[in-house]
Amino acid sequence: KEGQSRIRAIDVVRLLFAPEEGANIIKTTSSTFELD
């Protein structure tokens, strides 16, 4: 949701990527571009 804290938004996405118990491990990557 717009207005969420950076930490909360990142957690939302990472939890979506987390495999369920017994699932195969998936490859994750992240890139960050810090701007003014």
All heavy atoms as atom14 arrays in JSON, in Angstrom:
{
  "sequence": "KEGQSRIRAIDVVRLLFAPEEGANIIKTTSSTFELD",
  "atom14_mask": [
    [1, 1, 1, 1, 1, 1, 1, 1, 1, 0, 0, 0, 0, 0],
    [1, 1, 1, 1, 1, 1, 1, 1, 1, 0, 0, 0, 0, 0],
    [1, 1, 1, 1, 0, 0, 0, 0, 0, 0, 0, 0, 0, 0],
    [1, 1, 1, 1, 1, 1, 1, 1, 1, 0, 0, 0, 0, 0],
    [1, 1, 1, 1, 1, 1, 0, 0, 0, 0, 0, 0, 0, 0],
    [1, 1, 1, 1, 1, 1, 1, 1, 1, 1, 1, 0, 0, 0],
    [1, 1, 1, 1, 1, 1, 1, 1, 0, 0, 0, 0, 0, 0],
    [1, 1, 1, 1, 1, 1, 1, 1, 1, 1, 1, 0, 0, 0],
    [1, 1, 1, 1, 1, 0, 0, 0, 0, 0, 0, 0, 0, 0],
    [1, 1, 1, 1, 1, 1, 1, 1, 0, 0, 0, 0, 0, 0],
    [1, 1, 1, 1, 1, 1, 1, 1, 0, 0, 0, 0, 0, 0],
    [1, 1, 1, 1, 1, 1, 1, 0, 0, 0, 0, 0, 0, 0],
    [1, 1, 1, 1, 1, 1, 1, 0, 0, 0, 0, 0, 0, 0],
    [1, 1, 1, 1, 1, 1, 1, 1, 1, 1, 1, 0, 0, 0],
    [1, 1, 1, 1, 1, 1, 1, 1, 0, 0, 0, 0, 0, 0],
    [1, 1, 1, 1, 1, 1, 1, 1, 0, 0, 0, 0, 0, 0],
    [1, 1, 1, 1, 1, 1, 1, 1, 1, 1, 1, 0, 0, 0],
    [1, 1, 1, 1, 1, 0, 0, 0, 0, 0, 0, 0, 0, 0],
    [1, 1, 1, 1, 1, 1, 1, 0, 0, 0, 0, 0, 0, 0],
    [1, 1, 1, 1, 1, 1, 1, 1, 1, 0, 0, 0, 0, 0],
    [1, 1, 1, 1, 1, 1, 1, 1, 1, 0, 0, 0, 0, 0],
    [1, 1, 1, 1, 0, 0, 0, 0, 0, 0, 0, 0, 0, 0],
    [1, 1, 1, 1, 1, 0, 0, 0, 0, 0, 0, 0, 0, 0],
    [1, 1, 1, 1, 1, 1, 1, 1, 0, 0, 0, 0, 0, 0],
    [1, 1, 1, 1, 1, 1, 1, 1, 0, 0, 0, 0, 0, 0],
    [1, 1, 1, 1, 1, 1, 1, 1, 0, 0, 0, 0, 0, 0],
    [1, 1, 1, 1, 1, 1, 1, 1, 1, 0, 0, 0, 0, 0],
    [1, 1, 1, 1, 1, 1, 1, 0, 0, 0, 0, 0, 0, 0],
    [1, 1, 1, 1, 1, 1, 1, 0, 0, 0, 0, 0, 0, 0],
    [1, 1, 1, 1, 1, 1, 0, 0, 0, 0, 0, 0, 0, 0],
    [1, 1, 1, 1, 1, 1, 0, 0, 0, 0, 0, 0, 0, 0],
    [1, 1, 1, 1, 1, 1, 1, 0, 0, 0, 0, 0, 0, 0],
    [1, 1, 1, 1, 1, 1, 1, 1, 1, 1, 1, 0, 0, 0],
    [1, 1, 1, 1, 1, 1, 1, 1, 1, 0, 0, 0, 0, 0],
    [1, 1, 1, 1, 1, 1, 1, 1, 0, 0, 0, 0, 0, 0],
    [1, 1, 1, 1, 1, 1, 1, 1, 0, 0, 0, 0, 0, 0]
  ],
  "atom14_positions": [
    [[0.85, -1.18, 0.0], [0.0, 0.0, 0.0], [0.89, 1.24, 0.0], [1.89, 1.28, 0.71], [-0.88, 0.03, 1.24], [-1.68, -1.25, 1.46], [-3.13, -1.01, 1.59], [-3.96, -2.22, 1.84], [-3.72, -3.42, 1.15], [0.0, 0.0, 0.0], [0.0, 0.0, 0.0], [0.0, 0.0, 0.0], [0.0, 0.0, 0.0], [0.0, 0.0, 0.0]],
    [[0.51, 2.22, -0.8], [1.25, 3.49, -0.77], [1.26, 4.03, 0.65], [0.27, 3.91, 1.37], [0.59, 4.51, -1.7], [0.91, 4.29, -3.15], [0.38, 5.4, -4.03], [0.42, 6.58, -3.64], [-0.1, 5.07, -5.14], [0.0, 0.0, 0.0], [0.0, 0.0, 0.0], [0.0, 0.0, 0.0], [0.0, 0.0, 0.0], [0.0, 0.0, 0.0]],
    [[2.39, 4.59, 1.04], [2.52, 5.15, 2.39], [3.09, 4.18, 3.41], [3.42, 4.59, 4.52], [0.0, 0.0, 0.0], [0.0, 0.0, 0.0], [0.0, 0.0, 0.0], [0.0, 0.0, 0.0], [0.0, 0.0, 0.0], [0.0, 0.0, 0.0], [0.0, 0.0, 0.0], [0.0, 0.0, 0.0], [0.0, 0.0, 0.0], [0.0, 0.0, 0.0]],
    [[3.23, 2.89, 3.05], [3.83, 1.94, 3.98], [5.3, 2.3, 4.2], [5.96, 2.85, 3.31], [3.8, 0.52, 3.4], [2.48, -0.17, 3.51], [2.51, -1.55, 2.87], [3.12, -1.74, 1.83], [1.81, -2.49, 3.48], [0.0, 0.0, 0.0], [0.0, 0.0, 0.0], [0.0, 0.0, 0.0], [0.0, 0.0, 0.0], [0.0, 0.0, 0.0]],
    [[5.8, 1.93, 5.36], [7.23, 2.14, 5.61], [8.04, 1.24, 4.69], [7.54, 0.21, 4.2], [7.57, 1.81, 7.07], [7.5, 0.42, 7.29], [0.0, 0.0, 0.0], [0.0, 0.0, 0.0], [0.0, 0.0, 0.0], [0.0, 0.0, 0.0], [0.0, 0.0, 0.0], [0.0, 0.0, 0.0], [0.0, 0.0, 0.0], [0.0, 0.0, 0.0]],
    [[9.27, 1.63, 4.46], [10.16, 0.85, 3.59], [10.31, -0.56, 4.13], [10.22, -1.54, 3.39], [11.52, 1.55, 3.49], [12.54, 0.82, 2.65], [13.8, 1.64, 2.48], [14.85, 0.88, 1.81], [15.89, 1.43, 1.22], [16.04, 2.74, 1.21], [16.8, 0.68, 0.64], [0.0, 0.0, 0.0], [0.0, 0.0, 0.0], [0.0, 0.0, 0.0]],
    [[10.51, -0.69, 5.43], [10.71, -2.01, 6.04], [9.48, -2.88, 5.84], [9.58, -4.05, 5.48], [11.06, -1.87, 7.54], [12.44, -1.23, 7.68], [11.0, -3.21, 8.25], [12.8, -0.86, 9.09], [0.0, 0.0, 0.0], [0.0, 0.0, 0.0], [0.0, 0.0, 0.0], [0.0, 0.0, 0.0], [0.0, 0.0, 0.0], [0.0, 0.0, 0.0]],
    [[8.28, -2.32, 6.06], [7.04, -3.1, 5.92], [6.85, -3.55, 4.47], [6.5, -4.7, 4.22], [5.85, -2.26, 6.39], [4.51, -2.91, 6.15], [4.31, -4.14, 7.02], [3.02, -4.73, 6.69], [2.82, -6.02, 6.48], [3.82, -6.87, 6.62], [1.64, -6.49, 6.16], [0.0, 0.0, 0.0], [0.0, 0.0, 0.0], [0.0, 0.0, 0.0]],
    [[7.06, -2.67, 3.51], [6.87, -3.01, 2.09], [7.83, -4.13, 1.67], [7.44, -5.07, 0.97], [7.05, -1.78, 1.21], [0.0, 0.0, 0.0], [0.0, 0.0, 0.0], [0.0, 0.0, 0.0], [0.0, 0.0, 0.0], [0.0, 0.0, 0.0], [0.0, 0.0, 0.0], [0.0, 0.0, 0.0], [0.0, 0.0, 0.0], [0.0, 0.0, 0.0]],
    [[9.08, -4.04, 2.09], [10.06, -5.08, 1.75], [9.66, -6.4, 2.39], [9.73, -7.46, 1.76], [11.49, -4.65, 2.18], [11.95, -3.46, 1.34], [12.47, -5.81, 2.05], [13.21, -2.78, 1.85], [0.0, 0.0, 0.0], [0.0, 0.0, 0.0], [0.0, 0.0, 0.0], [0.0, 0.0, 0.0], [0.0, 0.0, 0.0], [0.0, 0.0, 0.0]],
    [[9.2, -6.36, 3.63], [8.74, -7.58, 4.3], [7.58, -8.23, 3.56], [7.5, -9.45, 3.45], [8.34, -7.29, 5.74], [9.53, -7.15, 6.67], [10.66, -7.49, 6.25], [9.33, -6.68, 7.81], [0.0, 0.0, 0.0], [0.0, 0.0, 0.0], [0.0, 0.0, 0.0], [0.0, 0.0, 0.0], [0.0, 0.0, 0.0], [0.0, 0.0, 0.0]],
    [[6.64, -7.41, 3.06], [5.49, -7.95, 2.32], [5.97, -8.77, 1.13], [5.53, -9.9, 0.91], [4.55, -6.8, 1.86], [3.56, -7.3, 0.81], [3.81, -6.2, 3.04], [0.0, 0.0, 0.0], [0.0, 0.0, 0.0], [0.0, 0.0, 0.0], [0.0, 0.0, 0.0], [0.0, 0.0, 0.0], [0.0, 0.0, 0.0], [0.0, 0.0, 0.0]],
    [[6.91, -8.21, 0.36], [7.4, -8.91, -0.83], [8.19, -10.14, -0.44], [8.01, -11.22, -1.01], [8.24, -7.96, -1.72], [8.85, -8.73, -2.87], [7.38, -6.81, -2.23], [0.0, 0.0, 0.0], [0.0, 0.0, 0.0], [0.0, 0.0, 0.0], [0.0, 0.0, 0.0], [0.0, 0.0, 0.0], [0.0, 0.0, 0.0], [0.0, 0.0, 0.0]],
    [[9.05, -10.03, 0.53], [9.88, -11.19, 0.93], [9.01, -12.33, 1.46], [9.33, -13.5, 1.23], [10.93, -10.76, 1.94], [12.02, -9.96, 1.26], [13.21, -9.74, 2.14], [14.26, -9.07, 1.38], [15.14, -8.26, 1.9], [15.12, -8.0, 3.19], [16.06, -7.7, 1.14], [0.0, 0.0, 0.0], [0.0, 0.0, 0.0], [0.0, 0.0, 0.0]],
    [[7.94, -12.02, 2.16], [7.05, -13.08, 2.63], [6.33, -13.75, 1.47], [6.05, -14.95, 1.51], [6.05, -12.52, 3.64], [6.62, -12.23, 5.02], [5.6, -11.5, 5.89], [7.09, -13.51, 5.7], [0.0, 0.0, 0.0], [0.0, 0.0, 0.0], [0.0, 0.0, 0.0], [0.0, 0.0, 0.0], [0.0, 0.0, 0.0], [0.0, 0.0, 0.0]],
    [[6.03, -12.99, 0.42], [5.44, -13.6, -0.78], [6.41, -14.59, -1.43], [6.0, -15.59, -1.99], [5.06, -12.53, -1.8], [3.86, -11.68, -1.46], [3.76, -10.5, -2.44], [2.58, -12.49, -1.51], [0.0, 0.0, 0.0], [0.0, 0.0, 0.0], [0.0, 0.0, 0.0], [0.0, 0.0, 0.0], [0.0, 0.0, 0.0], [0.0, 0.0, 0.0]],
    [[7.69, -14.28, -1.38], [8.71, -15.12, -1.99], [9.07, -16.33, -1.14], [9.66, -17.28, -1.63], [9.99, -14.34, -2.26], [9.88, -13.3, -3.34], [10.87, -12.35, -3.49], [8.81, -13.26, -4.21], [10.81, -11.38, -4.49], [8.72, -12.3, -5.21], [9.72, -11.37, -5.35], [0.0, 0.0, 0.0], [0.0, 0.0, 0.0], [0.0, 0.0, 0.0]],
    [[8.77, -16.29, 0.15], [9.18, -17.37, 1.06], [8.45, -18.65, 0.68], [7.24, -18.68, 0.6], [8.85, -16.99, 2.5], [0.0, 0.0, 0.0], [0.0, 0.0, 0.0], [0.0, 0.0, 0.0], [0.0, 0.0, 0.0], [0.0, 0.0, 0.0], [0.0, 0.0, 0.0], [0.0, 0.0, 0.0], [0.0, 0.0, 0.0], [0.0, 0.0, 0.0]],
    [[9.2, -19.71, 0.44], [8.55, -20.98, 0.09], [7.8, -21.56, 1.29], [8.19, -21.33, 2.43], [9.71, -21.88, -0.32], [10.91, -21.29, 0.33], [10.64, -19.82, 0.48], [0.0, 0.0, 0.0], [0.0, 0.0, 0.0], [0.0, 0.0, 0.0], [0.0, 0.0, 0.0], [0.0, 0.0, 0.0], [0.0, 0.0, 0.0], [0.0, 0.0, 0.0]],
    [[6.73, -22.26, 0.99], [6.0, -22.93, 2.06], [6.82, -24.11, 2.54], [7.73, -24.57, 1.86], [4.65, -23.41, 1.52], [3.74, -22.27, 1.13], [2.41, -22.76, 0.56], [2.08, -23.94, 0.77], [1.74, -21.96, -0.07], [0.0, 0.0, 0.0], [0.0, 0.0, 0.0], [0.0, 0.0, 0.0], [0.0, 0.0, 0.0], [0.0, 0.0, 0.0]],
    [[6.47, -24.6, 3.71], [7.19, -25.73, 4.29], [7.21, -26.91, 3.31], [6.18, -27.27, 2.74], [6.53, -26.16, 5.59], [7.32, -27.18, 6.35], [6.7, -27.48, 7.7], [6.11, -26.58, 8.3], [6.83, -28.63, 8.13], [0.0, 0.0, 0.0], [0.0, 0.0, 0.0], [0.0, 0.0, 0.0], [0.0, 0.0, 0.0], [0.0, 0.0, 0.0]],
    [[8.38, -27.44, 3.06], [8.52, -28.58, 2.16], [8.67, -28.2, 0.7], [8.9, -29.04, -0.14], [0.0, 0.0, 0.0], [0.0, 0.0, 0.0], [0.0, 0.0, 0.0], [0.0, 0.0, 0.0], [0.0, 0.0, 0.0], [0.0, 0.0, 0.0], [0.0, 0.0, 0.0], [0.0, 0.0, 0.0], [0.0, 0.0, 0.0], [0.0, 0.0, 0.0]],
    [[8.56, -26.91, 0.38], [8.69, -26.47, -1.01], [10.15, -26.36, -1.4], [11.03, -26.29, -0.54], [7.99, -25.12, -1.21], [0.0, 0.0, 0.0], [0.0, 0.0, 0.0], [0.0, 0.0, 0.0], [0.0, 0.0, 0.0], [0.0, 0.0, 0.0], [0.0, 0.0, 0.0], [0.0, 0.0, 0.0], [0.0, 0.0, 0.0], [0.0, 0.0, 0.0]],
    [[10.41, -26.35, -2.7], [11.77, -26.17, -3.18], [12.27, -24.77, -2.84], [11.49, -23.83, -2.77], [11.82, -26.35, -4.7], [11.53, -27.77, -5.11], [11.73, -28.7, -4.34], [11.03, -27.93, -6.32], [0.0, 0.0, 0.0], [0.0, 0.0, 0.0], [0.0, 0.0, 0.0], [0.0, 0.0, 0.0], [0.0, 0.0, 0.0], [0.0, 0.0, 0.0]],
    [[13.55, -24.64, -2.68], [14.15, -23.34, -2.44], [14.14, -22.56, -3.75], [14.47, -23.1, -4.8], [15.58, -23.49, -1.88], [15.52, -24.15, -0.51], [16.28, -22.16, -1.83], [16.86, -24.46, 0.08], [0.0, 0.0, 0.0], [0.0, 0.0, 0.0], [0.0, 0.0, 0.0], [0.0, 0.0, 0.0], [0.0, 0.0, 0.0], [0.0, 0.0, 0.0]],
    [[13.75, -21.31, -3.68], [13.73, -20.48, -4.88], [14.86, -19.47, -4.83], [15.34, -19.11, -3.76], [12.36, -19.76, -5.03], [12.07, -18.88, -3.82], [11.25, -20.75, -5.26], [10.82, -18.06, -3.94], [0.0, 0.0, 0.0], [0.0, 0.0, 0.0], [0.0, 0.0, 0.0], [0.0, 0.0, 0.0], [0.0, 0.0, 0.0], [0.0, 0.0, 0.0]],
    [[15.27, -19.03, -6.0], [16.36, -18.07, -6.1], [15.77, -16.67, -6.01], [14.83, -16.34, -6.73], [17.08, -18.24, -7.43], [18.2, -17.25, -7.64], [18.86, -17.42, -8.98], [19.9, -16.34, -9.16], [20.49, -16.37, -10.47], [0.0, 0.0, 0.0], [0.0, 0.0, 0.0], [0.0, 0.0, 0.0], [0.0, 0.0, 0.0], [0.0, 0.0, 0.0]],
    [[16.3, -15.86, -5.12], [15.86, -14.48, -4.99], [17.03, -13.54, -5.2], [18.18, -13.88, -4.9], [15.23, -14.2, -3.6], [16.21, -14.45, -2.6], [14.0, -15.05, -3.37], [0.0, 0.0, 0.0], [0.0, 0.0, 0.0], [0.0, 0.0, 0.0], [0.0, 0.0, 0.0], [0.0, 0.0, 0.0], [0.0, 0.0, 0.0], [0.0, 0.0, 0.0]],
    [[16.73, -12.37, -5.75], [17.74, -11.33, -5.92], [17.11, -9.99, -5.58], [15.89, -9.84, -5.63], [18.29, -11.27, -7.36], [17.21, -10.99, -8.26], [18.98, -12.55, -7.76], [0.0, 0.0, 0.0], [0.0, 0.0, 0.0], [0.0, 0.0, 0.0], [0.0, 0.0, 0.0], [0.0, 0.0, 0.0], [0.0, 0.0, 0.0], [0.0, 0.0, 0.0]],
    [[17.96, -9.05, -5.24], [17.46, -7.69, -5.02], [18.52, -6.7, -5.46], [19.72, -6.98, -5.4], [17.09, -7.48, -3.55], [18.23, -7.53, -2.74], [0.0, 0.0, 0.0], [0.0, 0.0, 0.0], [0.0, 0.0, 0.0], [0.0, 0.0, 0.0], [0.0, 0.0, 0.0], [0.0, 0.0, 0.0], [0.0, 0.0, 0.0], [0.0, 0.0, 0.0]],
    [[18.04, -5.56, -5.94], [18.91, -4.45, -6.32], [18.34, -3.2, -5.69], [17.12, -3.01, -5.67], [18.94, -4.26, -7.83], [19.46, -5.39, -8.47], [0.0, 0.0, 0.0], [0.0, 0.0, 0.0], [0.0, 0.0, 0.0], [0.0, 0.0, 0.0], [0.0, 0.0, 0.0], [0.0, 0.0, 0.0], [0.0, 0.0, 0.0], [0.0, 0.0, 0.0]],
    [[19.21, -2.37, -5.16], [18.77, -1.12, -4.55], [19.53, 0.03, -5.19], [20.74, -0.02, -5.34], [19.03, -1.12, -3.03], [18.37, -2.25, -2.46], [18.52, 0.15, -2.37], [0.0, 0.0, 0.0], [0.0, 0.0, 0.0], [0.0, 0.0, 0.0], [0.0, 0.0, 0.0], [0.0, 0.0, 0.0], [0.0, 0.0, 0.0], [0.0, 0.0, 0.0]],
    [[18.78, 1.05, -5.58], [19.35, 2.27, -6.14], [18.96, 3.41, -5.18], [17.8, 3.81, -5.14], [18.79, 2.55, -7.54], [19.07, 1.46, -8.53], [18.17, 0.41, -8.7], [20.22, 1.48, -9.3], [18.42, -0.6, -9.63], [20.48, 0.48, -10.22], [19.58, -0.56, -10.38], [0.0, 0.0, 0.0], [0.0, 0.0, 0.0], [0.0, 0.0, 0.0]],
    [[19.92, 3.86, -4.38], [19.67, 4.97, -3.47], [19.72, 6.27, -4.27], [20.63, 6.48, -5.06], [20.7, 5.0, -2.34], [20.69, 3.76, -1.45], [19.43, 3.6, -0.6], [18.7, 4.6, -0.4], [19.18, 2.48, -0.15], [0.0, 0.0, 0.0], [0.0, 0.0, 0.0], [0.0, 0.0, 0.0], [0.0, 0.0, 0.0], [0.0, 0.0, 0.0]],
    [[18.72, 7.11, -4.07], [18.61, 8.35, -4.82], [18.47, 9.52, -3.85], [18.17, 9.33, -2.67], [17.37, 8.3, -5.73], [17.23, 7.07, -6.62], [15.82, 7.0, -7.2], [18.25, 7.14, -7.73], [0.0, 0.0, 0.0], [0.0, 0.0, 0.0], [0.0, 0.0, 0.0], [0.0, 0.0, 0.0], [0.0, 0.0, 0.0], [0.0, 0.0, 0.0]],
    [[18.64, 10.74, -4.36], [18.37, 11.91, -3.53], [16.88, 11.94, -3.24], [16.06, 11.94, -4.15], [18.78, 13.2, -4.26], [20.29, 13.33, -4.38], [21.01, 12.73, -3.56], [20.75, 14.05, -5.3], [0.0, 0.0, 0.0], [0.0, 0.0, 0.0], [0.0, 0.0, 0.0], [0.0, 0.0, 0.0], [0.0, 0.0, 0.0], [0.0, 0.0, 0.0]]
  ]
}
